[in-house]
Amino acid sequence: MSDLESTVCRLLNDVSPFTGYLPGPVGQPTPVPRLTIWSSGAATRPTSAVFEPMFYAVLRGTKVLTMGANRFEMSAGTCAASSFGLPYTHQLSRSTSTLPYVGISLHLDIDRLTRVALDMPKGEGRWTRAVAAGDLNGALGDAFVRLVGLVKAPDDVAMLAPNYESELYYRLLQSGMGDTLRQVVQRNDRVRQIKAAADWLGSNNSEPVSISDLAASAGMSVTSFYRHFKAVTGFSPLAFQRHMRLLEARKLLAGGTSSVGGVAYEVGYQSASQFSREYKTMFGSSPIADLRR
């Protein structure tokens, strides 16, 4: 058995009490802060959501993540990290009742990650995507095993989890995913400007957007801004905003909003028919069908 296979087996053993293998993905919180175990006994359709600043590892089955132009097919022993919130689509393509999917997510503690990064030698601040993938080999896998192992020892969490989490961040920053996570803390002005633009689009998804104004606020030409935004996020600025609008619309429909047209206008669409068309393209069902359901 390889070191990677051994790491995956240890993790599967630790999280087994939290996996239910119900149809569809189910998340179970654990005694470790911000650590969630995901399991599913069935494959899923592509589902859209927002990938918050997070570390995610697959232990069994296959998960496909698509973020604009970026696509990651994650199998047992692989992991991914994101430096800021990105709209994405995820799908479990190999998950059955006899071979259920198991994954683990850890929402990042940005303050702790920042402290660890600042205590390390300064990086070069290189441009990179806002999401990166790797595997659980070596010291990174060992650190993750120590943190996840605390789910079986809840009395130890308060004392040990902060140290184990700091160790995990240290190993992540040393890994090939380090440049992506340094985007959270590095002083590179252009990285901060792209992140600020993405944050604005996410928080103001119903507002009209002027690419020239966003580019000017970032201190870039329109061409440079467009190129850098897509390089980091995988989306053009308008595609990024459209995804965030549609995700917000789906939340409003799930909350029982009475009118599809009202939701369309609330999230910034001027045409209800365009809203319905783009909604169905993204989610595979019409907004009226989701509202009724």
Protein backbone atom coordinates (compact mmCIF):
# COMPACT_ATOMS: atom_id res chain seq x y z
CA MET A 1 0.00 0.00 0.00
CA SER A 2 1.38 3.42 -0.97
CA ASP A 3 1.71 6.30 1.49
CA LEU A 4 -1.19 8.08 -0.21
CA GLU A 5 -3.42 5.02 0.01
CA SER A 6 -2.50 4.62 3.69
CA THR A 7 -3.40 8.25 4.36
CA VAL A 8 -6.77 7.87 2.66
CA CYS A 9 -7.53 4.68 4.61
CA ARG A 10 -6.74 6.36 7.92
CA LEU A 11 -8.97 9.30 7.07
CA LEU A 12 -11.83 7.03 5.97
CA ASN A 13 -11.58 5.13 9.25
CA ASP A 14 -11.64 8.36 11.29
CA VAL A 15 -14.71 9.81 9.54
CA SER A 16 -16.72 6.58 9.21
CA PRO A 17 -19.12 7.50 12.08
CA PHE A 18 -20.12 10.64 10.13
CA THR A 19 -20.94 9.02 6.78
CA GLY A 20 -24.51 7.97 6.09
CA TYR A 21 -24.37 7.21 2.35
CA LEU A 22 -27.84 8.65 1.78
CA PRO A 23 -29.00 9.43 -1.77
CA GLY A 24 -27.49 12.73 -2.73
CA PRO A 25 -24.66 14.54 -0.93
CA VAL A 26 -25.15 14.98 2.82
CA GLY A 27 -22.89 17.13 4.98
CA GLN A 28 -22.27 16.22 8.61
CA PRO A 29 -20.67 18.75 10.98
CA THR A 30 -17.94 17.48 13.29
CA PRO A 31 -16.50 18.52 16.68
CA VAL A 32 -13.62 20.18 14.80
CA PRO A 33 -14.59 23.79 13.93
CA ARG A 34 -15.50 24.36 10.25
CA LEU A 35 -14.74 20.72 9.35
CA THR A 36 -17.58 18.93 7.52
CA ILE A 37 -17.81 15.35 6.25
CA TRP A 38 -19.70 14.82 2.98
CA SER A 39 -21.09 11.49 1.80
CA SER A 40 -23.39 10.24 -0.93
CA GLY A 41 -24.62 6.86 -2.07
CA ALA A 42 -25.59 8.11 -5.53
CA ALA A 43 -24.17 10.12 -8.40
CA THR A 44 -25.48 13.67 -8.82
CA ARG A 45 -26.33 16.13 -11.55
CA PRO A 46 -24.08 19.17 -11.96
CA THR A 47 -24.95 21.51 -9.09
CA SER A 48 -24.00 25.18 -8.84
CA ALA A 49 -22.78 26.81 -5.63
CA VAL A 50 -20.08 29.15 -4.32
CA PHE A 51 -16.68 27.70 -3.40
CA GLU A 52 -15.79 29.81 -0.35
CA PRO A 53 -12.19 30.04 0.90
CA MET A 54 -11.83 26.36 1.65
CA PHE A 55 -9.70 23.24 1.65
CA TYR A 56 -11.42 20.14 0.26
CA ALA A 57 -10.27 16.53 0.00
CA VAL A 58 -11.85 13.50 -1.68
CA LEU A 59 -11.49 10.15 0.09
CA ARG A 60 -13.69 7.93 -2.08
CA GLY A 61 -15.47 8.31 -5.41
CA THR A 62 -14.97 11.09 -7.96
CA LYS A 63 -15.96 14.75 -7.82
CA VAL A 64 -15.75 17.08 -10.81
CA LEU A 65 -15.36 20.80 -10.08
CA THR A 66 -15.86 23.32 -12.89
CA MET A 67 -15.05 26.98 -12.30
CA GLY A 68 -15.40 28.86 -15.54
CA ALA A 69 -12.51 27.74 -17.73
CA ASN A 70 -11.00 25.62 -14.93
CA ARG A 71 -11.98 21.97 -14.49
CA PHE A 72 -10.72 19.59 -11.80
CA GLU A 73 -11.55 15.88 -11.68
CA MET A 74 -10.87 14.84 -8.10
CA SER A 75 -10.49 11.20 -7.08
CA ALA A 76 -9.47 9.54 -3.81
CA GLY A 77 -6.45 11.24 -2.28
CA THR A 78 -6.74 14.51 -4.22
CA CYS A 79 -7.54 17.89 -2.73
CA ALA A 80 -8.17 21.51 -3.71
CA ALA A 81 -7.93 24.92 -2.08
CA SER A 82 -9.57 28.25 -2.92
CA SER A 83 -8.43 31.72 -1.85
CA PHE A 84 -11.78 33.51 -2.24
CA GLY A 85 -15.40 32.82 -3.10
CA LEU A 86 -15.94 31.55 -6.65
CA PRO A 87 -19.10 30.35 -8.38
CA TYR A 88 -18.62 26.77 -9.47
CA THR A 89 -20.39 23.59 -10.55
CA HIS A 90 -19.77 20.27 -8.83
CA GLN A 91 -20.86 16.77 -9.75
CA LEU A 92 -20.33 13.34 -8.22
CA SER A 93 -19.72 11.10 -11.22
CA ARG A 94 -18.74 7.86 -9.47
CA SER A 95 -20.83 7.28 -6.39
CA THR A 96 -23.04 4.27 -5.71
CA SER A 97 -24.53 2.50 -2.72
CA THR A 98 -21.72 -0.07 -2.92
CA LEU A 99 -18.97 2.51 -3.57
CA PRO A 100 -20.21 5.66 -1.80
CA TYR A 101 -18.61 9.05 -2.15
CA VAL A 102 -16.80 10.54 0.86
CA GLY A 103 -15.18 13.98 1.04
CA ILE A 104 -14.06 16.45 3.70
CA SER A 105 -14.30 20.25 3.63
CA LEU A 106 -12.53 22.73 5.91
CA HIS A 107 -13.59 26.37 5.68
CA LEU A 108 -10.41 28.38 6.12
CA ASP A 109 -9.76 30.51 9.19
CA ILE A 110 -8.41 33.54 7.32
CA ASP A 111 -6.89 35.17 10.42
CA ARG A 112 -5.00 32.00 11.32
CA LEU A 113 -3.88 31.44 7.72
CA THR A 114 -2.64 35.03 7.60
CA ARG A 115 -0.61 34.63 10.79
CA VAL A 116 1.01 31.45 9.50
CA ALA A 117 1.80 33.00 6.12
CA LEU A 118 3.34 36.11 7.68
CA ASP A 119 5.63 33.96 9.83
CA MET A 120 6.97 32.17 6.76
CA PRO A 121 9.59 33.48 4.31
CA LYS A 122 8.02 35.97 1.94
CA GLY A 123 6.90 34.46 -1.37
CA GLU A 124 7.29 36.03 -4.78
CA GLY A 125 3.62 37.02 -5.07
CA ARG A 126 3.22 35.21 -8.37
CA TRP A 127 0.01 35.36 -10.35
CA THR A 128 -2.04 32.21 -10.12
CA ARG A 129 -5.62 31.01 -10.21
CA ALA A 130 -7.89 31.47 -7.20
CA VAL A 131 -8.27 27.68 -6.96
CA ALA A 132 -5.58 25.00 -7.12
CA ALA A 133 -5.47 21.22 -6.76
CA GLY A 134 -2.98 18.77 -5.29
CA ASP A 135 -2.88 15.54 -3.32
CA LEU A 136 -2.57 14.32 0.26
CA ASN A 137 0.94 12.94 -0.08
CA GLY A 138 3.70 13.47 2.47
CA ALA A 139 3.68 16.06 5.24
CA LEU A 140 0.45 17.66 4.00
CA GLY A 141 -1.43 14.38 4.32
CA ASP A 142 0.08 13.71 7.75
CA ALA A 143 -1.02 17.14 9.01
CA PHE A 144 -4.54 16.61 7.67
CA VAL A 145 -4.74 13.18 9.34
CA ARG A 146 -3.86 14.75 12.70
CA LEU A 147 -6.53 17.41 12.39
CA VAL A 148 -9.27 15.07 11.13
CA GLY A 149 -8.36 12.48 13.78
CA LEU A 150 -9.69 14.86 16.42
CA VAL A 151 -13.26 14.01 15.37
CA LYS A 152 -12.78 10.86 17.47
CA ALA A 153 -11.41 12.80 20.44
CA PRO A 154 -13.72 15.79 20.97
CA ASP A 155 -12.26 16.50 24.42
CA ASP A 156 -8.92 17.27 22.73
CA VAL A 157 -10.31 19.67 20.13
CA ALA A 158 -10.06 22.91 22.12
CA MET A 159 -6.40 22.30 23.00
CA LEU A 160 -5.06 20.65 19.85
CA ALA A 161 -7.18 21.76 16.87
CA PRO A 162 -5.68 25.29 16.63
CA ASN A 163 -2.15 23.87 16.48
CA TYR A 164 -3.04 21.11 14.03
CA GLU A 165 -4.87 23.59 11.80
CA SER A 166 -1.87 25.94 11.81
CA GLU A 167 0.33 22.99 10.84
CA LEU A 168 -2.04 22.15 7.97
CA TYR A 169 -1.89 25.75 6.69
CA TYR A 170 1.91 25.67 6.91
CA ARG A 171 2.04 22.52 4.78
CA LEU A 172 -0.50 23.90 2.32
CA LEU A 173 1.54 27.08 1.90
CA GLN A 174 4.62 24.94 1.23
CA SER A 175 2.76 22.86 -1.37
CA GLY A 176 1.86 23.58 -4.98
CA MET A 177 -1.34 25.19 -3.66
CA GLY A 178 0.65 27.74 -1.67
CA ASP A 179 0.63 30.52 -4.28
CA THR A 180 -3.15 30.34 -4.46
CA LEU A 181 -3.58 30.59 -0.68
CA ARG A 182 -1.08 33.45 -0.44
CA GLN A 183 -3.55 35.51 -2.43
CA VAL A 184 -5.48 35.81 0.84
CA VAL A 185 -2.64 37.66 2.58
CA GLN A 186 -0.06 38.86 0.08
CA ARG A 187 0.44 42.56 -0.58
CA ASN A 188 0.43 42.26 -4.37
CA ASP A 189 -1.72 45.24 -5.39
CA ARG A 190 -3.11 43.64 -8.53
CA VAL A 191 -4.13 40.48 -6.72
CA ARG A 192 -5.95 42.60 -4.14
CA GLN A 193 -7.61 44.63 -6.88
CA ILE A 194 -8.89 41.54 -8.70
CA LYS A 195 -10.17 40.09 -5.43
CA ALA A 196 -11.86 43.39 -4.57
CA ALA A 197 -13.55 43.43 -7.99
CA ALA A 198 -14.74 39.82 -7.56
CA ASP A 199 -16.00 40.59 -4.05
CA TRP A 200 -17.89 43.63 -5.37
CA LEU A 201 -19.50 41.61 -8.15
CA GLY A 202 -20.53 38.94 -5.65
CA SER A 203 -21.98 41.43 -3.16
CA ASN A 204 -23.65 43.63 -5.78
CA ASN A 205 -24.86 40.98 -8.19
CA SER A 206 -28.10 42.88 -8.94
CA GLU A 207 -26.31 46.12 -9.88
CA PRO A 208 -25.49 47.16 -13.44
CA VAL A 209 -21.81 46.72 -14.04
CA SER A 210 -19.41 48.76 -16.12
CA ILE A 211 -16.26 46.86 -16.97
CA SER A 212 -14.47 50.11 -17.72
CA ASP A 213 -15.34 51.43 -14.23
CA LEU A 214 -14.17 48.18 -12.58
CA ALA A 215 -10.97 48.28 -14.60
CA ALA A 216 -10.37 51.92 -13.65
CA SER A 217 -10.93 51.15 -9.94
CA ALA A 218 -8.33 48.38 -10.25
CA GLY A 219 -5.90 50.73 -11.98
CA MET A 220 -5.84 48.67 -15.17
CA SER A 221 -6.88 49.03 -18.78
CA VAL A 222 -10.04 47.16 -19.76
CA THR A 223 -8.00 44.61 -21.72
CA SER A 224 -5.56 44.02 -18.86
CA PHE A 225 -8.34 43.81 -16.28
CA TYR A 226 -10.32 41.31 -18.34
CA ARG A 227 -7.25 39.12 -18.91
CA HIS A 228 -6.15 39.14 -15.27
CA PHE A 229 -9.67 38.61 -13.89
CA LYS A 230 -10.20 35.56 -16.07
CA ALA A 231 -6.73 34.19 -15.29
CA VAL A 232 -7.44 34.32 -11.54
CA THR A 233 -11.13 33.34 -11.39
CA GLY A 234 -11.66 31.31 -14.57
CA PHE A 235 -14.57 33.61 -15.51
CA SER A 236 -14.97 36.80 -17.46
CA PRO A 237 -16.31 39.58 -15.17
CA LEU A 238 -19.80 39.45 -16.70
CA ALA A 239 -19.96 35.64 -16.52
CA PHE A 240 -18.88 35.83 -12.87
CA GLN A 241 -21.68 38.27 -12.07
CA ARG A 242 -24.22 36.21 -14.02
CA HIS A 243 -23.38 33.09 -12.03
CA MET A 244 -23.67 34.99 -8.74
CA ARG A 245 -27.02 36.48 -9.82
CA LEU A 246 -28.44 33.08 -10.69
CA LEU A 247 -27.21 31.51 -7.45
CA GLU A 248 -28.92 34.31 -5.50
CA ALA A 249 -32.09 33.79 -7.56
CA ARG A 250 -32.14 30.11 -6.72
CA LYS A 251 -31.87 30.90 -3.00
CA LEU A 252 -34.80 33.31 -3.29
CA LEU A 253 -36.90 30.71 -5.12
CA ALA A 254 -36.02 28.08 -2.51
CA GLY A 255 -37.22 30.53 0.15
CA GLY A 256 -40.70 30.55 -1.38
CA THR A 257 -40.67 33.86 -3.23
CA SER A 258 -44.05 34.12 -4.92
CA SER A 259 -43.06 35.38 -8.39
CA VAL A 260 -40.41 34.29 -10.88
CA GLY A 261 -40.60 37.70 -12.52
CA GLY A 262 -40.06 39.40 -9.18
CA VAL A 263 -36.97 37.31 -8.53
CA ALA A 264 -35.62 38.09 -12.00
CA TYR A 265 -35.87 41.84 -11.41
CA GLU A 266 -34.59 41.58 -7.84
CA VAL A 267 -31.33 39.98 -8.96
CA GLY A 268 -30.82 42.50 -11.76
CA TYR A 269 -32.46 41.06 -14.88
CA GLN A 270 -34.50 43.39 -17.06
CA SER A 271 -36.00 40.52 -19.05
CA ALA A 272 -37.84 37.67 -17.33
CA SER A 273 -37.50 35.50 -20.43
CA GLN A 274 -33.72 35.96 -20.53
CA PHE A 275 -33.60 35.16 -16.80
CA SER A 276 -35.59 31.93 -17.31
CA ARG A 277 -33.43 30.91 -20.25
CA GLU A 278 -30.12 31.47 -18.44
CA TYR A 279 -31.45 29.92 -15.22
CA LYS A 280 -32.44 26.71 -17.02
CA THR A 281 -29.09 26.57 -18.81
CA MET A 282 -27.24 26.80 -15.52
CA PHE A 283 -29.39 24.61 -13.27
CA GLY A 284 -31.08 22.23 -15.73
CA SER A 285 -34.61 23.15 -14.62
CA SER A 286 -36.79 26.22 -15.12
CA PRO A 287 -37.24 28.76 -12.30
CA ILE A 288 -40.99 28.10 -12.22
CA ALA A 289 -40.32 24.37 -11.73
CA ASP A 290 -37.93 25.11 -8.87
CA LEU A 291 -40.40 27.54 -7.32
CA ARG A 292 -43.18 24.92 -7.39
CA ARG A 293 -40.87 22.28 -6.00
